[in-house]
Amino acid sequence: MAQGTKMILKRYGNEVMYWNEQEIIVDSDYLDRGHGLNVHLDYEYRRDTKQLDVFFNGHRLSEGIGYEEVDPSTIRLKLGNYQEGHPSEGQPIQLAIGDEIFIRVWKPEYSRCGGEVAGLRLELLEKEVWKARQYKDTDTPHPTLDDRLDDIERRMETKTMIIVMNRVTTGLFKLDMRFPYDGIISEVYASCAKAGTERTVLQVAKCSQASYDAAQEWTNIFKNDLVFDANSSSTKTSSSPYSLKDPNVEKGDHFRVNVVELGKGIEGVVLEVVINLI
């Protein structure tokens, strides 16, 4: 595809394109022209008539948020600001080589009325909603967009604390971890890079923020401790499944691991504590 600007207008018999397309692939020549975030259109439009569909790197931009209408032949992109730590922190994000801008300019005679165009717009919207109901193209779509949003929310409501112990020794692991949310422990799991020839038993204790800054009273969260059986690579296959004594977590609670029994040869233990936020 040639660099720069490309327009396509198709007509096949009675089949008519109701819009004009403009595609810009940003290259050094385009940047050298000094357009900045202002994009010149080869087809004029009428402002405030929803005549434009604007896409940036495949993402559709909303009028007034992702771009603004300047005059009948110009729009200005609004791509946000550079984040903290960037040399241009707080300044508007600029175009870069390789960026792609696609603009669909609906013809005025069709943009304000006409069932066929309304149908085309509805078809495009249906395709967007269908894709929004999927996480990956290969996934079966959720029954509704609301179900998809609920699934996203459920994923966001779960946090996992991970503690890595490369060298495993008996006693307290020299690391305390603070959890900054209220929640309920839903699962505790551990795996190891190298299984021990004897069983290994882990305890996980918690301490409130107030206690941590004072006397530090720690309480084991388990009723039955977490156990690696001999020659087992995870606690999932334990013959003595763990059970929780106190699954509740308060904001600011600290956690630590105690190895109460050490199986000979065990190495590389990774402990996961899954917590549902409330």
C-alpha atoms as a PDB file:
ATOM      1  CA  MET A   1       0.000   0.000   0.000  1.00  0.00           C
ATOM      2  CA  ALA A   2       1.377   3.410  -0.909  1.00  0.00           C
ATOM      3  CA  GLN A   3       2.273   5.747   1.899  1.00  0.00           C
ATOM      4  CA  GLY A   4       0.315   8.945   2.402  1.00  0.00           C
ATOM      5  CA  THR A   5      -3.357   9.312   1.562  1.00  0.00           C
ATOM      6  CA  LYS A   6      -5.718   6.924  -0.162  1.00  0.00           C
ATOM      7  CA  MET A   7      -9.344   7.494  -1.206  1.00  0.00           C
ATOM      8  CA  ILE A   8     -11.780   4.887  -2.487  1.00  0.00           C
ATOM      9  CA  LEU A   9     -15.147   5.470  -4.149  1.00  0.00           C
ATOM     10  CA  LYS A  10     -16.882   2.365  -5.433  1.00  0.00           C
ATOM     11  CA  ARG A  11     -19.892   1.975  -7.694  1.00  0.00           C
ATOM     12  CA  TYR A  12     -20.992  -1.352  -9.142  1.00  0.00           C
ATOM     13  CA  GLY A  13     -24.177  -1.186 -11.200  1.00  0.00           C
ATOM     14  CA  ASN A  14     -26.993  -0.228  -8.833  1.00  0.00           C
ATOM     15  CA  GLU A  15     -24.799  -0.766  -5.782  1.00  0.00           C
ATOM     16  CA  VAL A  16     -23.584   2.609  -4.509  1.00  0.00           C
ATOM     17  CA  MET A  17     -21.140   3.567  -1.788  1.00  0.00           C
ATOM     18  CA  TYR A  18     -22.869   6.097   0.446  1.00  0.00           C
ATOM     19  CA  TRP A  19     -19.624   7.501   1.770  1.00  0.00           C
ATOM     20  CA  ASN A  20     -16.100   8.468   0.770  1.00  0.00           C
ATOM     21  CA  GLU A  21     -13.146   6.851   2.470  1.00  0.00           C
ATOM     22  CA  GLN A  22      -9.826   8.423   3.331  1.00  0.00           C
ATOM     23  CA  GLU A  23      -6.925   6.456   4.757  1.00  0.00           C
ATOM     24  CA  ILE A  24      -3.707   8.017   6.037  1.00  0.00           C
ATOM     25  CA  ILE A  25      -0.667   6.014   7.027  1.00  0.00           C
ATOM     26  CA  VAL A  26       1.654   8.381   8.832  1.00  0.00           C
ATOM     27  CA  ASP A  27       5.194   8.439   7.449  1.00  0.00           C
ATOM     28  CA  SER A  28       8.104  10.878   7.711  1.00  0.00           C
ATOM     29  CA  ASP A  29       6.826  12.899   4.735  1.00  0.00           C
ATOM     30  CA  TYR A  30       3.451  13.357   6.402  1.00  0.00           C
ATOM     31  CA  LEU A  31       5.064  14.503   9.647  1.00  0.00           C
ATOM     32  CA  ASP A  32       7.391  16.864   7.767  1.00  0.00           C
ATOM     33  CA  ARG A  33       4.390  18.707   6.360  1.00  0.00           C
ATOM     34  CA  GLY A  34       3.717  19.930   9.886  1.00  0.00           C
ATOM     35  CA  HIS A  35       0.056  18.991  10.133  1.00  0.00           C
ATOM     36  CA  GLY A  36       0.410  17.930  13.760  1.00  0.00           C
ATOM     37  CA  LEU A  37      -2.898  16.626  15.064  1.00  0.00           C
ATOM     38  CA  ASN A  38      -4.884  18.525  12.436  1.00  0.00           C
ATOM     39  CA  VAL A  39      -6.076  16.202   9.672  1.00  0.00           C
ATOM     40  CA  HIS A  40      -7.090  17.685   6.315  1.00  0.00           C
ATOM     41  CA  LEU A  41     -10.011  15.922   4.642  1.00  0.00           C
ATOM     42  CA  ASP A  42     -10.301  15.546   0.894  1.00  0.00           C
ATOM     43  CA  TYR A  43     -14.084  15.561   1.158  1.00  0.00           C
ATOM     44  CA  GLU A  44     -15.908  18.364   2.924  1.00  0.00           C
ATOM     45  CA  TYR A  45     -18.459  17.652   5.627  1.00  0.00           C
ATOM     46  CA  ARG A  46     -21.077  19.620   7.510  1.00  0.00           C
ATOM     47  CA  ARG A  47     -20.321  20.124  11.163  1.00  0.00           C
ATOM     48  CA  ASP A  48     -22.648  18.724  13.843  1.00  0.00           C
ATOM     49  CA  THR A  49     -24.394  16.366  11.399  1.00  0.00           C
ATOM     50  CA  LYS A  50     -22.645  13.138  12.477  1.00  0.00           C
ATOM     51  CA  GLN A  51     -21.275  12.829   8.974  1.00  0.00           C
ATOM     52  CA  LEU A  52     -17.902  11.390  10.047  1.00  0.00           C
ATOM     53  CA  ASP A  53     -16.690   8.017  11.269  1.00  0.00           C
ATOM     54  CA  VAL A  54     -13.082   8.389  12.465  1.00  0.00           C
ATOM     55  CA  PHE A  55     -10.756   5.510  13.367  1.00  0.00           C
ATOM     56  CA  PHE A  56      -7.223   5.717  14.795  1.00  0.00           C
ATOM     57  CA  ASN A  57      -5.092   2.554  14.685  1.00  0.00           C
ATOM     58  CA  GLY A  58      -8.262   0.499  14.380  1.00  0.00           C
ATOM     59  CA  HIS A  59     -10.082   2.148  17.289  1.00  0.00           C
ATOM     60  CA  ARG A  60     -13.155   4.242  16.640  1.00  0.00           C
ATOM     61  CA  LEU A  61     -12.933   7.773  18.031  1.00  0.00           C
ATOM     62  CA  SER A  62     -15.904   9.641  19.460  1.00  0.00           C
ATOM     63  CA  GLU A  63     -16.617  13.164  18.271  1.00  0.00           C
ATOM     64  CA  GLY A  64     -15.733  15.670  20.972  1.00  0.00           C
ATOM     65  CA  ILE A  65     -13.620  13.125  22.869  1.00  0.00           C
ATOM     66  CA  GLY A  66     -11.305  11.447  20.375  1.00  0.00           C
ATOM     67  CA  TYR A  67     -11.482  14.203  17.781  1.00  0.00           C
ATOM     68  CA  GLU A  68     -13.106  17.573  17.238  1.00  0.00           C
ATOM     69  CA  GLU A  69     -14.593  19.120  14.126  1.00  0.00           C
ATOM     70  CA  VAL A  70     -12.612  22.251  13.201  1.00  0.00           C
ATOM     71  CA  ASP A  71     -13.981  23.354   9.823  1.00  0.00           C
ATOM     72  CA  PRO A  72     -15.611  21.682   6.786  1.00  0.00           C
ATOM     73  CA  SER A  73     -12.308  20.177   5.660  1.00  0.00           C
ATOM     74  CA  THR A  74     -10.376  19.706   8.919  1.00  0.00           C
ATOM     75  CA  ILE A  75     -10.600  17.718  12.117  1.00  0.00           C
ATOM     76  CA  ARG A  76      -8.240  17.724  15.092  1.00  0.00           C
ATOM     77  CA  LEU A  77      -7.323  14.464  16.806  1.00  0.00           C
ATOM     78  CA  LYS A  78      -7.457  14.306  20.617  1.00  0.00           C
ATOM     79  CA  LEU A  79      -5.363  11.287  21.583  1.00  0.00           C
ATOM     80  CA  GLY A  80      -4.900  12.115  25.254  1.00  0.00           C
ATOM     81  CA  ASN A  81      -1.801  13.337  27.071  1.00  0.00           C
ATOM     82  CA  TYR A  82       1.581  11.756  27.706  1.00  0.00           C
ATOM     83  CA  GLN A  83       1.764   9.985  31.067  1.00  0.00           C
ATOM     84  CA  GLU A  84       3.991  10.703  34.035  1.00  0.00           C
ATOM     85  CA  GLY A  85       7.643   9.971  33.353  1.00  0.00           C
ATOM     86  CA  HIS A  86       7.461  10.744  29.635  1.00  0.00           C
ATOM     87  CA  PRO A  87       9.704  13.617  28.433  1.00  0.00           C
ATOM     88  CA  SER A  88       6.557  15.425  27.237  1.00  0.00           C
ATOM     89  CA  GLU A  89       4.532  14.595  30.351  1.00  0.00           C
ATOM     90  CA  GLY A  90       1.117  16.265  30.338  1.00  0.00           C
ATOM     91  CA  GLN A  91       1.367  17.394  26.707  1.00  0.00           C
ATOM     92  CA  PRO A  92      -1.001  16.119  23.959  1.00  0.00           C
ATOM     93  CA  ILE A  93       0.074  12.815  22.388  1.00  0.00           C
ATOM     94  CA  GLN A  94       1.379  13.407  18.851  1.00  0.00           C
ATOM     95  CA  LEU A  95       1.256  11.275  15.732  1.00  0.00           C
ATOM     96  CA  ALA A  96       4.091   8.818  15.134  1.00  0.00           C
ATOM     97  CA  ILE A  97       5.365   6.990  12.074  1.00  0.00           C
ATOM     98  CA  GLY A  98       3.177   3.961  11.433  1.00  0.00           C
ATOM     99  CA  ASP A  99      -0.026   5.412  12.886  1.00  0.00           C
ATOM    100  CA  GLU A 100      -3.095   4.760  10.743  1.00  0.00           C
ATOM    101  CA  ILE A 101      -6.025   7.144  10.385  1.00  0.00           C
ATOM    102  CA  PHE A 102      -9.188   6.032   8.605  1.00  0.00           C
ATOM    103  CA  ILE A 103     -12.043   8.438   7.969  1.00  0.00           C
ATOM    104  CA  ARG A 104     -15.448   7.670   6.486  1.00  0.00           C
ATOM    105  CA  VAL A 105     -17.250  10.789   5.232  1.00  0.00           C
ATOM    106  CA  TRP A 106     -20.920  10.085   4.687  1.00  0.00           C
ATOM    107  CA  LYS A 107     -22.368  11.906   1.702  1.00  0.00           C
ATOM    108  CA  PRO A 108     -24.654  14.772   2.809  1.00  0.00           C
ATOM    109  CA  GLU A 109     -27.631  13.516   0.843  1.00  0.00           C
ATOM    110  CA  TYR A 110     -27.510  10.239   2.775  1.00  0.00           C
ATOM    111  CA  SER A 111     -26.246  11.288   6.175  1.00  0.00           C
ATOM    112  CA  ARG A 112     -29.443  12.980   7.336  1.00  0.00           C
ATOM    113  CA  CYS A 113     -32.073  10.549   6.074  1.00  0.00           C
ATOM    114  CA  GLY A 114     -32.606   7.398   4.097  1.00  0.00           C
ATOM    115  CA  GLY A 115     -33.487   3.935   5.342  1.00  0.00           C
ATOM    116  CA  GLU A 116     -30.650   2.235   3.500  1.00  0.00           C
ATOM    117  CA  VAL A 117     -28.000   4.342   5.207  1.00  0.00           C
ATOM    118  CA  ALA A 118     -29.671   3.925   8.581  1.00  0.00           C
ATOM    119  CA  GLY A 119     -29.590   0.194   7.958  1.00  0.00           C
ATOM    120  CA  LEU A 120     -25.900   0.317   7.079  1.00  0.00           C
ATOM    121  CA  ARG A 121     -25.096   2.241  10.238  1.00  0.00           C
ATOM    122  CA  LEU A 122     -27.131  -0.247  12.279  1.00  0.00           C
ATOM    123  CA  GLU A 123     -25.277  -3.146  10.668  1.00  0.00           C
ATOM    124  CA  LEU A 124     -21.924  -1.569  11.574  1.00  0.00           C
ATOM    125  CA  LEU A 125     -23.150  -1.054  15.143  1.00  0.00           C
ATOM    126  CA  GLU A 126     -24.309  -4.672  15.373  1.00  0.00           C
ATOM    127  CA  LYS A 127     -20.855  -5.851  14.288  1.00  0.00           C
ATOM    128  CA  GLU A 128     -19.207  -3.695  16.958  1.00  0.00           C
ATOM    129  CA  VAL A 129     -21.558  -5.008  19.661  1.00  0.00           C
ATOM    130  CA  TRP A 130     -20.957  -8.592  18.540  1.00  0.00           C
ATOM    131  CA  LYS A 131     -17.194  -8.161  18.834  1.00  0.00           C
ATOM    132  CA  ALA A 132     -17.613  -6.412  22.191  1.00  0.00           C
ATOM    133  CA  ARG A 133     -19.338  -9.550  23.497  1.00  0.00           C
ATOM    134  CA  GLN A 134     -16.126 -11.522  22.875  1.00  0.00           C
ATOM    135  CA  TYR A 135     -12.716 -11.378  24.559  1.00  0.00           C
ATOM    136  CA  LYS A 136     -10.930 -13.113  21.674  1.00  0.00           C
ATOM    137  CA  ASP A 137     -12.103 -13.682  18.115  1.00  0.00           C
ATOM    138  CA  THR A 138     -12.087 -17.429  18.779  1.00  0.00           C
ATOM    139  CA  ASP A 139     -14.295 -17.125  21.894  1.00  0.00           C
ATOM    140  CA  THR A 140     -18.004 -17.880  21.899  1.00  0.00           C
ATOM    141  CA  PRO A 141     -19.691 -14.490  22.430  1.00  0.00           C
ATOM    142  CA  HIS A 142     -21.487 -13.869  25.710  1.00  0.00           C
ATOM    143  CA  PRO A 143     -25.294 -13.982  25.324  1.00  0.00           C
ATOM    144  CA  THR A 144     -25.526 -10.222  25.872  1.00  0.00           C
ATOM    145  CA  LEU A 145     -23.163  -7.270  26.166  1.00  0.00           C
ATOM    146  CA  ASP A 146     -24.325  -6.920  29.779  1.00  0.00           C
ATOM    147  CA  ASP A 147     -23.094 -10.466  30.487  1.00  0.00           C
ATOM    148  CA  ARG A 148     -19.722  -9.570  28.978  1.00  0.00           C
ATOM    149  CA  LEU A 149     -19.471  -6.469  31.195  1.00  0.00           C
ATOM    150  CA  ASP A 150     -20.436  -8.550  34.241  1.00  0.00           C
ATOM    151  CA  ASP A 151     -17.640 -10.991  33.395  1.00  0.00           C
ATOM    152  CA  ILE A 152     -15.133  -8.131  33.157  1.00  0.00           C
ATOM    153  CA  GLU A 153     -16.327  -6.813  36.515  1.00  0.00           C
ATOM    154  CA  ARG A 154     -15.963 -10.240  38.123  1.00  0.00           C
ATOM    155  CA  ARG A 155     -12.397 -10.472  36.828  1.00  0.00           C
ATOM    156  CA  MET A 156     -11.650  -7.044  38.283  1.00  0.00           C
ATOM    157  CA  GLU A 157     -13.142  -8.070  41.638  1.00  0.00           C
ATOM    158  CA  THR A 158     -10.526 -10.807  42.118  1.00  0.00           C
ATOM    159  CA  LYS A 159      -6.953 -10.140  43.256  1.00  0.00           C
ATOM    160  CA  THR A 160      -4.152 -12.638  43.811  1.00  0.00           C
ATOM    161  CA  MET A 161      -1.265 -12.275  46.236  1.00  0.00           C
ATOM    162  CA  ILE A 162       1.792 -14.206  45.093  1.00  0.00           C
ATOM    163  CA  ILE A 163       4.732 -15.044  47.344  1.00  0.00           C
ATOM    164  CA  VAL A 164       7.830 -16.608  45.766  1.00  0.00           C
ATOM    165  CA  MET A 165      10.276 -18.599  47.886  1.00  0.00           C
ATOM    166  CA  ASN A 166      13.276 -19.666  45.821  1.00  0.00           C
ATOM    167  CA  ARG A 167      15.102 -21.181  48.773  1.00  0.00           C
ATOM    168  CA  VAL A 168      12.782 -22.862  51.247  1.00  0.00           C
ATOM    169  CA  THR A 169      13.840 -23.160  54.884  1.00  0.00           C
ATOM    170  CA  THR A 170      12.033 -24.054  58.076  1.00  0.00           C
ATOM    171  CA  GLY A 171      10.397 -21.169  59.926  1.00  0.00           C
ATOM    172  CA  LEU A 172       9.124 -17.747  58.955  1.00  0.00           C
ATOM    173  CA  PHE A 173       9.781 -16.578  55.423  1.00  0.00           C
ATOM    174  CA  LYS A 174      11.420 -13.159  55.651  1.00  0.00           C
ATOM    175  CA  LEU A 175       8.745 -11.285  53.739  1.00  0.00           C
ATOM    176  CA  ASP A 176       5.500  -9.663  54.879  1.00  0.00           C
ATOM    177  CA  MET A 177       2.914  -8.670  52.286  1.00  0.00           C
ATOM    178  CA  ARG A 178       0.166  -6.075  52.756  1.00  0.00           C
ATOM    179  CA  PHE A 179      -3.230  -6.360  51.025  1.00  0.00           C
ATOM    180  CA  PRO A 180      -4.853  -2.941  50.357  1.00  0.00           C
ATOM    181  CA  TYR A 181      -8.506  -4.037  49.967  1.00  0.00           C
ATOM    182  CA  ASP A 182     -11.350  -5.646  51.895  1.00  0.00           C
ATOM    183  CA  GLY A 183     -12.120  -9.137  50.664  1.00  0.00           C
ATOM    184  CA  ILE A 184     -12.710 -12.830  51.261  1.00  0.00           C
ATOM    185  CA  ILE A 185     -10.129 -15.524  50.552  1.00  0.00           C
ATOM    186  CA  SER A 186     -11.528 -17.917  47.955  1.00  0.00           C
ATOM    187  CA  GLU A 187      -8.496 -20.126  47.286  1.00  0.00           C
ATOM    188  CA  VAL A 188      -4.969 -20.827  48.493  1.00  0.00           C
ATOM    189  CA  TYR A 189      -2.616 -22.782  46.251  1.00  0.00           C
ATOM    190  CA  ALA A 190       1.088 -23.549  46.156  1.00  0.00           C
ATOM    191  CA  SER A 191       3.379 -25.155  43.593  1.00  0.00           C
ATOM    192  CA  CYS A 192       7.082 -25.936  43.524  1.00  0.00           C
ATOM    193  CA  ALA A 193       9.793 -26.187  40.889  1.00  0.00           C
ATOM    194  CA  LYS A 194      11.252 -29.284  42.539  1.00  0.00           C
ATOM    195  CA  ALA A 195       9.247 -31.623  44.735  1.00  0.00           C
ATOM    196  CA  GLY A 196      10.524 -32.755  48.105  1.00  0.00           C
ATOM    197  CA  THR A 197      10.950 -36.389  49.077  1.00  0.00           C
ATOM    198  CA  GLU A 198       8.945 -35.737  52.251  1.00  0.00           C
ATOM    199  CA  ARG A 199       5.860 -33.673  52.926  1.00  0.00           C
ATOM    200  CA  THR A 200       6.055 -29.902  53.393  1.00  0.00           C
ATOM    201  CA  VAL A 201       3.541 -27.982  55.512  1.00  0.00           C
ATOM    202  CA  LEU A 202       2.863 -24.256  55.142  1.00  0.00           C
ATOM    203  CA  GLN A 203       0.947 -21.830  57.307  1.00  0.00           C
ATOM    204  CA  VAL A 204      -0.225 -18.382  56.246  1.00  0.00           C
ATOM    205  CA  ALA A 205      -0.767 -15.893  59.048  1.00  0.00           C
ATOM    206  CA  LYS A 206      -2.362 -12.464  58.915  1.00  0.00           C
ATOM    207  CA  CYS A 207      -2.096  -9.374  61.077  1.00  0.00           C
ATOM    208  CA  SER A 208      -4.184  -6.195  61.020  1.00  0.00           C
ATOM    209  CA  GLN A 209      -2.574  -2.892  60.134  1.00  0.00           C
ATOM    210  CA  ALA A 210      -3.112  -1.557  63.664  1.00  0.00           C
ATOM    211  CA  SER A 211      -1.544  -4.648  65.204  1.00  0.00           C
ATOM    212  CA  TYR A 212       1.299  -4.652  62.694  1.00  0.00           C
ATOM    213  CA  ASP A 213       2.321  -1.177  63.843  1.00  0.00           C
ATOM    214  CA  ALA A 214       2.166  -2.231  67.493  1.00  0.00           C
ATOM    215  CA  ALA A 215       2.371  -5.679  69.108  1.00  0.00           C
ATOM    216  CA  GLN A 216       2.016  -7.674  65.857  1.00  0.00           C
ATOM    217  CA  GLU A 217      -0.448 -10.395  66.770  1.00  0.00           C
ATOM    218  CA  TRP A 218      -0.488 -12.926  63.931  1.00  0.00           C
ATOM    219  CA  THR A 219      -3.305 -15.424  63.337  1.00  0.00           C
ATOM    220  CA  ASN A 220      -3.091 -18.524  61.138  1.00  0.00           C
ATOM    221  CA  ILE A 221      -5.781 -18.357  58.432  1.00  0.00           C
ATOM    222  CA  PHE A 222      -5.933 -22.158  58.199  1.00  0.00           C
ATOM    223  CA  LYS A 223      -7.906 -24.655  60.217  1.00  0.00           C
ATOM    224  CA  ASN A 224      -6.027 -27.382  58.351  1.00  0.00           C
ATOM    225  CA  ASP A 225      -2.666 -26.245  56.996  1.00  0.00           C
ATOM    226  CA  LEU A 226      -1.529 -26.246  53.361  1.00  0.00           C
ATOM    227  CA  VAL A 227       0.358 -29.458  52.573  1.00  0.00           C
ATOM    228  CA  PHE A 228       2.678 -30.667  49.823  1.00  0.00           C
ATOM    229  CA  ASP A 229       2.658 -34.455  49.847  1.00  0.00           C
ATOM    230  CA  ALA A 230       5.987 -36.216  49.307  1.00  0.00           C
ATOM    231  CA  ASN A 231       7.052 -36.104  45.641  1.00  0.00           C
ATOM    232  CA  SER A 232       4.160 -33.761  44.818  1.00  0.00           C
ATOM    233  CA  SER A 233       4.583 -30.603  42.749  1.00  0.00           C
ATOM    234  CA  SER A 234       1.494 -28.813  44.055  1.00  0.00           C
ATOM    235  CA  THR A 235      -0.892 -28.697  46.995  1.00  0.00           C
ATOM    236  CA  LYS A 236      -3.782 -29.469  44.637  1.00  0.00           C
ATOM    237  CA  THR A 237      -3.108 -33.199  44.958  1.00  0.00           C
ATOM    238  CA  SER A 238      -2.639 -33.166  48.730  1.00  0.00           C
ATOM    239  CA  SER A 239      -4.089 -36.094  50.662  1.00  0.00           C
ATOM    240  CA  SER A 240      -4.781 -33.583  53.461  1.00  0.00           C
ATOM    241  CA  PRO A 241      -6.671 -30.689  51.833  1.00  0.00           C
ATOM    242  CA  TYR A 242      -6.459 -27.334  53.547  1.00  0.00           C
ATOM    243  CA  SER A 243      -9.429 -25.600  55.149  1.00  0.00           C
ATOM    244  CA  LEU A 244      -9.771 -21.970  56.163  1.00  0.00           C
ATOM    245  CA  LYS A 245     -10.412 -20.848  59.702  1.00  0.00           C
ATOM    246  CA  ASP A 246     -10.824 -17.160  58.884  1.00  0.00           C
ATOM    247  CA  PRO A 247     -11.241 -16.207  55.200  1.00  0.00           C
ATOM    248  CA  ASN A 248     -12.078 -12.555  55.882  1.00  0.00           C
ATOM    249  CA  VAL A 249      -9.555  -9.903  54.869  1.00  0.00           C
ATOM    250  CA  GLU A 250      -9.645  -6.284  55.982  1.00  0.00           C
ATOM    251  CA  LYS A 251      -7.952  -3.447  54.161  1.00  0.00           C
ATOM    252  CA  GLY A 252      -4.346  -3.190  55.295  1.00  0.00           C
ATOM    253  CA  ASP A 253      -4.027  -6.746  56.615  1.00  0.00           C
ATOM    254  CA  HIS A 254      -0.477  -8.114  56.414  1.00  0.00           C
ATOM    255  CA  PHE A 255       0.351 -11.707  55.501  1.00  0.00           C
ATOM    256  CA  ARG A 256       3.381 -13.914  56.036  1.00  0.00           C
ATOM    257  CA  VAL A 257       4.322 -17.555  55.436  1.00  0.00           C
ATOM    258  CA  ASN A 258       5.621 -20.020  58.008  1.00  0.00           C
ATOM    259  CA  VAL A 259       7.178 -23.324  56.910  1.00  0.00           C
ATOM    260  CA  VAL A 260       6.288 -25.602  59.821  1.00  0.00           C
ATOM    261  CA  GLU A 261       7.485 -28.812  58.143  1.00  0.00           C
ATOM    262  CA  LEU A 262      10.155 -28.909  55.431  1.00  0.00           C
ATOM    263  CA  GLY A 263      10.340 -31.767  52.967  1.00  0.00           C
ATOM    264  CA  LYS A 264      13.872 -32.659  51.956  1.00  0.00           C
ATOM    265  CA  GLY A 265      14.812 -31.346  48.503  1.00  0.00           C
ATOM    266  CA  ILE A 266      11.859 -29.047  47.877  1.00  0.00           C
ATOM    267  CA  GLU A 267      12.758 -25.907  45.906  1.00  0.00           C
ATOM    268  CA  GLY A 268      11.113 -22.912  44.258  1.00  0.00           C
ATOM    269  CA  VAL A 269       7.792 -22.639  46.085  1.00  0.00           C
ATOM    270  CA  VAL A 270       5.191 -20.200  44.744  1.00  0.00           C
ATOM    271  CA  LEU A 271       2.220 -19.476  47.009  1.00  0.00           C
ATOM    272  CA  GLU A 272      -0.986 -17.911  45.661  1.00  0.00           C
ATOM    273  CA  VAL A 273      -3.758 -16.416  47.806  1.00  0.00           C
ATOM    274  CA  VAL A 274      -6.842 -15.567  45.720  1.00  0.00           C
ATOM    275  CA  ILE A 275      -9.105 -12.912  47.259  1.00  0.00           C
ATOM    276  CA  ASN A 276     -12.534 -11.764  46.089  1.00  0.00           C
ATOM    277  CA  LEU A 277     -12.975  -8.054  46.741  1.00  0.00           C
ATOM    278  CA  ILE A 278     -16.030  -6.835  48.645  1.00  0.00           C
END
